[in-house]
Amino acid sequence: MVMPFSSRVVWTLFCLLLFVAPLYAQRDLKDIPPPDPELEKATFQLPKGFEVNLFAADPKIAKPIQMNFDPQGRLWIVSSETYPQVLPGGKANDKVLILEDTDGDGVSDSTQIFADGLLIPTGIAPGDGGAYVGASTELLFLKDTDGDGKADHSEIMLSGFGTEDTHHIIHTFRWGPERLLYMNQSIYIHSHIETPWGIRRLNAGGVWQFRPETLELEVLARGWVNAWGTAFDKWGQTFVTDGAGGEGINYLVPGASYATAYGASRILPGLNPGSPKHCGLEIVESPHLPEDWQGSCITNDFRGHRVCRFVLTEDGAGYRSQEQQEVIKSDHVAFRPGDVKQGPDGAIYIADWYNPIIQHGEVA
């Protein structure tokens, strides 16, 4: 018997929504939605037997960018109300948050500000007794040494990451099966990082591979436009989504080059050419999911207000990917899913940017 599962959505009631509404009016746009997660939830179309509940919302969180779970089952989130840039005379105060469901009812009842005063943090990976955070030009390691729940130790692990475009800076952190840290960067960024092993450069998009204990940093693969999502299957194979490339799921081969890789003699294509642009990626394995969902790729179509599912099958030396019925489909114009993770309870968690206007490259 297949148990239904709960897709716990980390909804954010975008705290600048009151400022968005006048801009909508200037563009003669109508039907501006009120900032109510229950009204948003009512628009969700789900597969049979599935349900959604709200895990956390404003004022606990605002504008979540990336999230990851720690071994204790707590959800770490980097959020940025500063994005896309600091206003003249303003001061960045972006945060690392820790959310926890202490009574097991599926709703976060504990929110801890682990760190604040950050400038557009776009990657978070709890580990080594603290958390690795991508913040502008720097890869930081933050740690709480006195047990008060707030970081009091900040160490710059690496610096020199590019900042030419704030939605392309190092992002979407992920621990690999060999306990290396993976970090993505996108096409308009030029990074020149000095390490004990020499200077490492990446002058466009790609995936970094980092060993914290030795500070070894290498480029695993090059290319893509905005590779906003990396995940590993149970065999350790690596997959990537591109938030602007339009090729769906990509099978990452170490050392390979993908679309936009400058000067490459051979380019590997994605597995779903013609797909919408996706961000966030998780490969799910859970007894709470139907058998035909095991090993599926879950990713977000943030422009189309959808959470999508792809099935992978081996195809020669690579893989084939086929899109299935959506995990969530909505006509709510503010539903902007940005990240997705499977929680330790087997549920699927979705981070919702919640904003009817996404500005950059918006499709009306």
Protein backbone atom coordinates (compact mmCIF):
# COMPACT_ATOMS: atom_id res chain seq x y z
CA MET A 1 0.00 0.00 0.00
CA VAL A 2 1.39 3.37 -1.06
CA MET A 3 1.17 5.97 1.63
CA PRO A 4 0.18 9.49 0.59
CA PHE A 5 2.83 12.02 1.38
CA SER A 6 2.76 15.66 2.38
CA SER A 7 4.55 18.18 0.20
CA ARG A 8 5.39 20.81 2.80
CA VAL A 9 5.70 24.11 1.07
CA VAL A 10 7.89 26.79 2.60
CA TRP A 11 5.73 29.67 1.40
CA THR A 12 6.89 33.23 1.71
CA LEU A 13 4.47 36.13 1.80
CA PHE A 14 6.76 38.51 -0.04
CA CYS A 15 7.26 41.35 2.42
CA LEU A 16 7.64 43.99 -0.30
CA LEU A 17 4.34 43.10 -1.92
CA LEU A 18 2.84 46.47 -1.06
CA PHE A 19 5.54 48.05 -3.17
CA VAL A 20 4.95 45.60 -6.00
CA ALA A 21 1.26 46.45 -6.36
CA PRO A 22 1.73 50.05 -7.61
CA LEU A 23 4.21 48.79 -10.18
CA TYR A 24 1.57 46.37 -11.38
CA ALA A 25 -0.85 49.26 -11.77
CA GLN A 26 1.66 51.23 -13.81
CA ARG A 27 1.79 48.34 -16.26
CA ASP A 28 -2.01 48.11 -16.40
CA LEU A 29 -1.90 44.64 -14.87
CA LYS A 30 -5.01 43.44 -13.05
CA ASP A 31 -6.05 40.90 -10.41
CA ILE A 32 -3.19 41.49 -8.00
CA PRO A 33 -3.39 38.63 -5.46
CA PRO A 34 -3.58 39.41 -1.74
CA PRO A 35 -0.66 38.05 0.32
CA ASP A 36 -2.59 35.08 1.67
CA PRO A 37 -1.02 31.59 1.52
CA GLU A 38 -4.37 29.86 1.95
CA LEU A 39 -5.71 31.53 -1.19
CA GLU A 40 -2.55 30.48 -2.98
CA LYS A 41 -2.88 26.92 -1.69
CA ALA A 42 -6.44 26.72 -3.02
CA THR A 43 -5.08 27.11 -6.58
CA PHE A 44 -2.70 24.13 -6.34
CA GLN A 45 -3.45 21.14 -8.55
CA LEU A 46 -1.83 17.97 -7.20
CA PRO A 47 -1.48 14.32 -8.23
CA LYS A 48 -4.11 11.99 -6.77
CA GLY A 49 -3.41 11.06 -3.15
CA PHE A 50 -1.07 13.98 -2.49
CA GLU A 51 -1.61 16.92 -0.16
CA VAL A 52 0.11 20.20 0.69
CA ASN A 53 0.55 21.99 3.99
CA LEU A 54 2.25 25.25 4.91
CA PHE A 55 5.49 24.67 6.82
CA ALA A 56 6.51 28.32 7.39
CA ALA A 57 5.70 31.79 6.09
CA ASP A 58 6.19 35.48 6.75
CA PRO A 59 7.11 36.88 9.24
CA LYS A 60 9.27 33.84 10.01
CA ILE A 61 10.93 33.94 6.60
CA ALA A 62 11.10 36.32 3.66
CA LYS A 63 12.46 35.75 0.14
CA PRO A 64 14.12 32.34 0.57
CA ILE A 65 16.86 31.67 -1.98
CA GLN A 66 18.24 28.25 -1.06
CA MET A 67 17.68 25.66 1.66
CA ASN A 68 19.26 22.46 2.98
CA PHE A 69 18.61 20.13 5.92
CA ASP A 70 21.15 19.29 8.60
CA PRO A 71 21.55 15.84 10.27
CA GLN A 72 19.25 16.98 13.11
CA GLY A 73 16.42 17.50 10.62
CA ARG A 74 16.50 21.29 10.85
CA LEU A 75 15.93 23.34 7.70
CA TRP A 76 18.59 25.98 6.99
CA ILE A 77 17.61 28.83 4.67
CA VAL A 78 19.45 31.79 3.17
CA SER A 79 17.10 34.69 2.50
CA SER A 80 17.65 38.08 0.92
CA GLU A 81 15.45 41.14 1.06
CA THR A 82 18.39 43.12 -0.37
CA TYR A 83 18.32 41.31 -3.73
CA PRO A 84 19.02 42.36 -6.46
CA GLN A 85 21.20 45.15 -5.02
CA VAL A 86 21.63 47.44 -2.04
CA LEU A 87 19.62 50.64 -2.44
CA PRO A 88 21.56 53.93 -2.31
CA GLY A 89 22.23 54.72 1.33
CA GLY A 90 20.91 51.34 2.40
CA LYS A 91 22.54 48.56 4.36
CA ALA A 92 22.34 44.86 3.65
CA ASN A 93 20.84 42.74 6.41
CA ASP A 94 20.25 39.38 4.77
CA LYS A 95 20.00 36.28 6.93
CA VAL A 96 20.71 32.65 7.55
CA LEU A 97 17.68 31.08 9.25
CA ILE A 98 17.19 27.72 10.97
CA LEU A 99 13.63 26.35 10.98
CA GLU A 100 12.57 23.38 13.07
CA ASP A 101 9.40 21.39 13.67
CA THR A 102 9.87 20.35 17.30
CA ASP A 103 6.53 18.58 17.83
CA GLY A 104 6.24 16.70 14.54
CA ASP A 105 3.02 18.30 13.34
CA GLY A 106 4.44 19.32 9.97
CA VAL A 107 4.67 23.03 10.82
CA SER A 108 7.78 24.93 11.84
CA ASP A 109 7.44 26.18 15.43
CA SER A 110 11.03 27.35 15.93
CA THR A 111 12.84 29.98 13.87
CA GLN A 112 16.38 30.99 14.76
CA ILE A 113 18.33 33.80 13.08
CA PHE A 114 21.71 32.10 12.85
CA ALA A 115 23.41 35.02 11.06
CA ASP A 116 22.41 38.43 9.74
CA GLY A 117 24.06 41.46 8.16
CA LEU A 118 24.93 39.43 5.05
CA LEU A 119 24.94 40.70 1.46
CA ILE A 120 22.77 38.56 -0.84
CA PRO A 121 23.64 35.05 0.40
CA THR A 122 22.79 32.58 -2.35
CA GLY A 123 24.10 29.25 -1.08
CA ILE A 124 23.83 27.36 2.23
CA ALA A 125 25.27 24.01 3.31
CA PRO A 126 25.19 23.08 7.00
CA GLY A 127 28.15 20.98 8.05
CA ASP A 128 31.30 20.72 10.18
CA GLY A 129 29.45 22.09 13.19
CA GLY A 130 28.36 25.24 11.39
CA ALA A 131 27.38 26.25 7.87
CA TYR A 132 29.07 27.16 4.62
CA VAL A 133 27.48 30.24 3.06
CA GLY A 134 27.97 31.86 -0.33
CA ALA A 135 27.92 35.62 0.23
CA SER A 136 28.88 37.85 -2.68
CA THR A 137 32.62 37.41 -3.42
CA GLU A 138 33.21 35.08 -0.48
CA LEU A 139 32.65 31.54 0.68
CA LEU A 140 32.12 31.84 4.43
CA PHE A 141 32.11 29.31 7.25
CA LEU A 142 29.85 30.42 10.11
CA LYS A 143 29.75 28.71 13.49
CA ASP A 144 28.08 29.09 16.88
CA THR A 145 30.78 28.51 19.50
CA ASP A 146 28.90 29.46 22.69
CA GLY A 147 25.64 27.57 22.17
CA ASP A 148 23.28 30.55 21.92
CA GLY A 149 22.05 29.54 18.46
CA LYS A 150 23.68 32.49 16.68
CA ALA A 151 26.93 32.45 14.71
CA ASP A 152 29.77 34.18 16.55
CA HIS A 153 32.60 32.82 14.40
CA SER A 154 32.96 33.86 10.75
CA GLU A 155 35.80 32.60 8.59
CA ILE A 156 36.47 33.46 4.94
CA MET A 157 37.31 30.11 3.36
CA LEU A 158 37.78 31.47 -0.16
CA SER A 159 37.34 34.83 -1.88
CA GLY A 160 37.48 36.14 -5.41
CA PHE A 161 34.15 34.90 -6.75
CA GLY A 162 32.67 37.27 -9.32
CA THR A 163 29.70 39.54 -8.67
CA GLU A 164 28.87 41.00 -12.09
CA ASP A 165 25.27 39.77 -11.90
CA THR A 166 23.75 39.09 -8.50
CA HIS A 167 21.53 36.23 -9.66
CA HIS A 168 24.57 34.47 -11.16
CA ILE A 169 26.97 34.57 -8.18
CA ILE A 170 27.95 31.29 -6.48
CA HIS A 171 24.79 29.50 -5.43
CA THR A 172 22.87 26.25 -4.84
CA PHE A 173 25.32 24.52 -2.49
CA ARG A 174 25.14 20.75 -2.17
CA TRP A 175 27.16 18.10 -0.36
CA GLY A 176 28.21 15.29 -2.67
CA PRO A 177 28.28 11.58 -1.81
CA GLU A 178 32.07 11.77 -1.35
CA ARG A 179 31.63 14.62 1.13
CA LEU A 180 32.81 17.37 -1.24
CA LEU A 181 30.89 20.64 -1.45
CA TYR A 182 29.42 21.51 -4.85
CA MET A 183 28.68 25.13 -5.80
CA ASN A 184 27.28 26.51 -9.04
CA GLN A 185 28.08 29.77 -10.80
CA SER A 186 26.41 31.28 -13.85
CA ILE A 187 27.36 32.73 -17.19
CA TYR A 188 28.04 36.42 -16.47
CA ILE A 189 30.43 35.74 -13.59
CA HIS A 190 34.24 35.82 -13.73
CA SER A 191 35.87 34.22 -10.69
CA HIS A 192 39.57 34.20 -9.82
CA ILE A 193 40.18 32.45 -6.51
CA GLU A 194 43.56 32.10 -4.84
CA THR A 195 43.93 28.77 -3.04
CA PRO A 196 46.89 26.94 -1.44
CA TRP A 197 46.89 24.84 -4.61
CA GLY A 198 47.07 27.76 -7.02
CA ILE A 199 44.66 30.21 -8.61
CA ARG A 200 41.43 28.70 -9.87
CA ARG A 201 39.48 30.52 -12.57
CA LEU A 202 36.01 30.15 -14.02
CA ASN A 203 35.01 32.85 -16.50
CA ALA A 204 31.38 31.89 -17.11
CA GLY A 205 29.00 29.21 -15.91
CA GLY A 206 29.92 25.92 -14.33
CA VAL A 207 30.04 23.75 -11.23
CA TRP A 208 32.74 24.06 -8.56
CA GLN A 209 33.94 21.16 -6.38
CA PHE A 210 35.43 22.10 -2.98
CA ARG A 211 37.16 20.10 -0.23
CA PRO A 212 36.88 22.21 2.97
CA GLU A 213 39.57 20.47 5.04
CA THR A 214 42.31 21.12 2.44
CA LEU A 215 40.84 24.14 0.58
CA GLU A 216 41.16 22.29 -2.72
CA LEU A 217 38.89 23.89 -5.34
CA GLU A 218 38.35 22.60 -8.86
CA VAL A 219 35.97 23.18 -11.77
CA LEU A 220 33.94 20.00 -12.23
CA ALA A 221 32.16 21.05 -15.44
CA ARG A 222 31.78 24.19 -17.54
CA GLY A 223 28.87 25.79 -19.32
CA TRP A 224 25.14 26.46 -18.95
CA VAL A 225 23.52 29.87 -18.61
CA ASN A 226 22.24 29.76 -15.05
CA ALA A 227 22.73 26.28 -13.59
CA TRP A 228 20.51 26.77 -10.53
CA GLY A 229 20.29 23.22 -9.21
CA THR A 230 22.52 20.17 -8.62
CA ALA A 231 21.52 16.74 -7.30
CA PHE A 232 22.92 13.22 -6.99
CA ASP A 233 21.14 9.92 -7.45
CA LYS A 234 21.70 6.91 -5.18
CA TRP A 235 24.56 5.76 -7.40
CA GLY A 236 26.37 9.10 -7.14
CA GLN A 237 25.56 10.27 -10.66
CA THR A 238 25.28 14.06 -10.96
CA PHE A 239 22.46 16.04 -12.56
CA VAL A 240 21.99 19.78 -13.12
CA THR A 241 19.15 22.10 -14.07
CA ASP A 242 19.58 25.37 -15.96
CA GLY A 243 17.45 28.38 -15.04
CA ALA A 244 17.91 29.94 -18.47
CA GLY A 245 19.16 27.25 -20.84
CA GLY A 246 15.91 25.57 -21.84
CA GLU A 247 17.23 21.98 -21.91
CA GLY A 248 15.60 20.56 -18.81
CA ILE A 249 17.65 18.01 -16.87
CA ASN A 250 21.39 17.77 -17.65
CA TYR A 251 23.56 14.72 -16.95
CA LEU A 252 26.88 16.03 -15.63
CA VAL A 253 30.00 14.25 -16.82
CA PRO A 254 33.11 15.42 -14.91
CA GLY A 255 35.33 17.55 -17.12
CA ALA A 256 32.67 18.01 -19.78
CA SER A 257 31.44 21.23 -21.38
CA TYR A 258 27.82 22.22 -21.85
CA ALA A 259 25.89 24.95 -23.66
CA THR A 260 27.67 28.35 -23.64
CA ALA A 261 31.09 26.88 -22.66
CA TYR A 262 33.44 29.24 -24.49
CA GLY A 263 36.03 27.61 -26.75
CA ALA A 264 34.86 24.06 -26.11
CA SER A 265 35.42 21.66 -29.00
CA ARG A 266 32.51 19.45 -27.94
CA ILE A 267 29.29 20.40 -26.13
CA LEU A 268 27.05 17.94 -24.31
CA PRO A 269 23.34 18.72 -24.72
CA GLY A 270 20.71 18.59 -22.00
CA LEU A 271 18.23 15.73 -21.78
CA ASN A 272 15.05 17.74 -22.44
CA PRO A 273 15.68 20.27 -25.24
CA GLY A 274 12.87 22.79 -25.52
CA SER A 275 11.95 22.57 -21.83
CA PRO A 276 11.05 25.67 -19.83
CA LYS A 277 13.71 27.15 -17.58
CA HIS A 278 14.08 25.30 -14.29
CA CYS A 279 15.63 26.08 -10.91
CA GLY A 280 16.22 23.89 -7.89
CA LEU A 281 16.66 20.13 -8.21
CA GLU A 282 16.06 17.10 -6.00
CA ILE A 283 16.17 13.38 -6.76
CA VAL A 284 13.64 11.74 -4.47
CA GLU A 285 13.74 8.33 -2.76
CA SER A 286 11.12 7.74 -0.08
CA PRO A 287 8.78 4.93 1.04
CA HIS A 288 6.07 7.61 1.26
CA LEU A 289 6.20 8.04 -2.52
CA PRO A 290 4.70 5.75 -5.16
CA GLU A 291 7.06 3.20 -6.67
CA ASP A 292 7.15 4.96 -10.04
CA TRP A 293 8.31 8.15 -8.30
CA GLN A 294 11.48 6.60 -6.88
CA GLY A 295 14.56 8.27 -8.38
CA SER A 296 12.51 11.02 -10.03
CA CYS A 297 13.95 14.49 -10.57
CA ILE A 298 11.84 17.24 -8.99
CA THR A 299 12.49 20.78 -10.22
CA ASN A 300 10.68 24.12 -10.48
CA ASP A 301 9.30 25.97 -13.48
CA PHE A 302 9.32 29.32 -11.71
CA ARG A 303 7.87 31.21 -14.68
CA GLY A 304 5.09 28.72 -15.28
CA HIS A 305 4.05 28.44 -11.59
CA ARG A 306 4.78 24.71 -11.58
CA VAL A 307 6.79 22.10 -9.71
CA CYS A 308 7.79 19.48 -12.27
CA ARG A 309 8.79 15.82 -12.23
CA PHE A 310 11.08 13.99 -14.66
CA VAL A 311 11.79 10.25 -14.83
CA LEU A 312 15.35 9.19 -15.64
CA THR A 313 16.20 5.97 -17.48
CA GLU A 314 19.62 4.71 -18.51
CA ASP A 315 20.38 5.19 -22.19
CA GLY A 316 23.71 3.80 -23.35
CA ALA A 317 26.48 5.66 -21.53
CA GLY A 318 24.05 8.37 -20.44
CA TYR A 319 20.44 8.95 -19.50
CA ARG A 320 17.07 9.74 -20.98
CA SER A 321 14.67 12.10 -19.18
CA GLN A 322 10.91 12.28 -19.65
CA GLU A 323 8.58 14.82 -18.04
CA GLN A 324 5.59 13.53 -16.06
CA GLN A 325 2.50 15.07 -14.47
CA GLU A 326 3.36 18.10 -12.34
CA VAL A 327 3.90 17.81 -8.59
CA ILE A 328 2.18 21.18 -8.22
CA LYS A 329 0.46 23.20 -10.92
CA SER A 330 -1.02 26.62 -10.20
CA ASP A 331 -2.44 29.66 -11.95
CA HIS A 332 -1.56 31.89 -8.99
CA VAL A 333 0.69 34.60 -10.44
CA ALA A 334 2.71 35.00 -7.22
CA PHE A 335 3.65 31.32 -6.90
CA ARG A 336 7.36 31.32 -7.75
CA PRO A 337 8.94 28.05 -6.58
CA GLY A 338 12.70 28.48 -6.35
CA ASP A 339 14.19 25.56 -4.46
CA VAL A 340 13.15 22.00 -3.64
CA LYS A 341 14.46 19.48 -1.11
CA GLN A 342 13.30 16.15 0.27
CA GLY A 343 13.11 16.36 4.04
CA PRO A 344 14.19 13.71 6.55
CA ASP A 345 10.50 12.86 6.98
CA GLY A 346 10.26 11.92 3.30
CA ALA A 347 8.15 14.96 2.39
CA ILE A 348 9.03 17.32 -0.45
CA TYR A 349 9.70 20.91 0.62
CA ILE A 350 9.29 23.81 -1.81
CA ALA A 351 10.70 27.30 -1.21
CA ASP A 352 8.32 29.86 -2.71
CA TRP A 353 9.72 33.32 -3.54
CA TYR A 354 6.10 34.56 -3.67
CA ASN A 355 6.16 37.53 -6.02
CA PRO A 356 3.88 38.27 -8.98
CA ILE A 357 6.68 40.21 -10.70
CA ILE A 358 10.04 38.52 -11.12
CA GLN A 359 11.50 41.43 -13.12
CA HIS A 360 14.56 39.92 -14.80
CA GLY A 361 13.58 38.36 -18.11
CA GLU A 362 9.93 38.30 -17.09
CA VAL A 363 7.43 36.69 -19.42
CA ALA A 364 4.12 38.56 -19.37
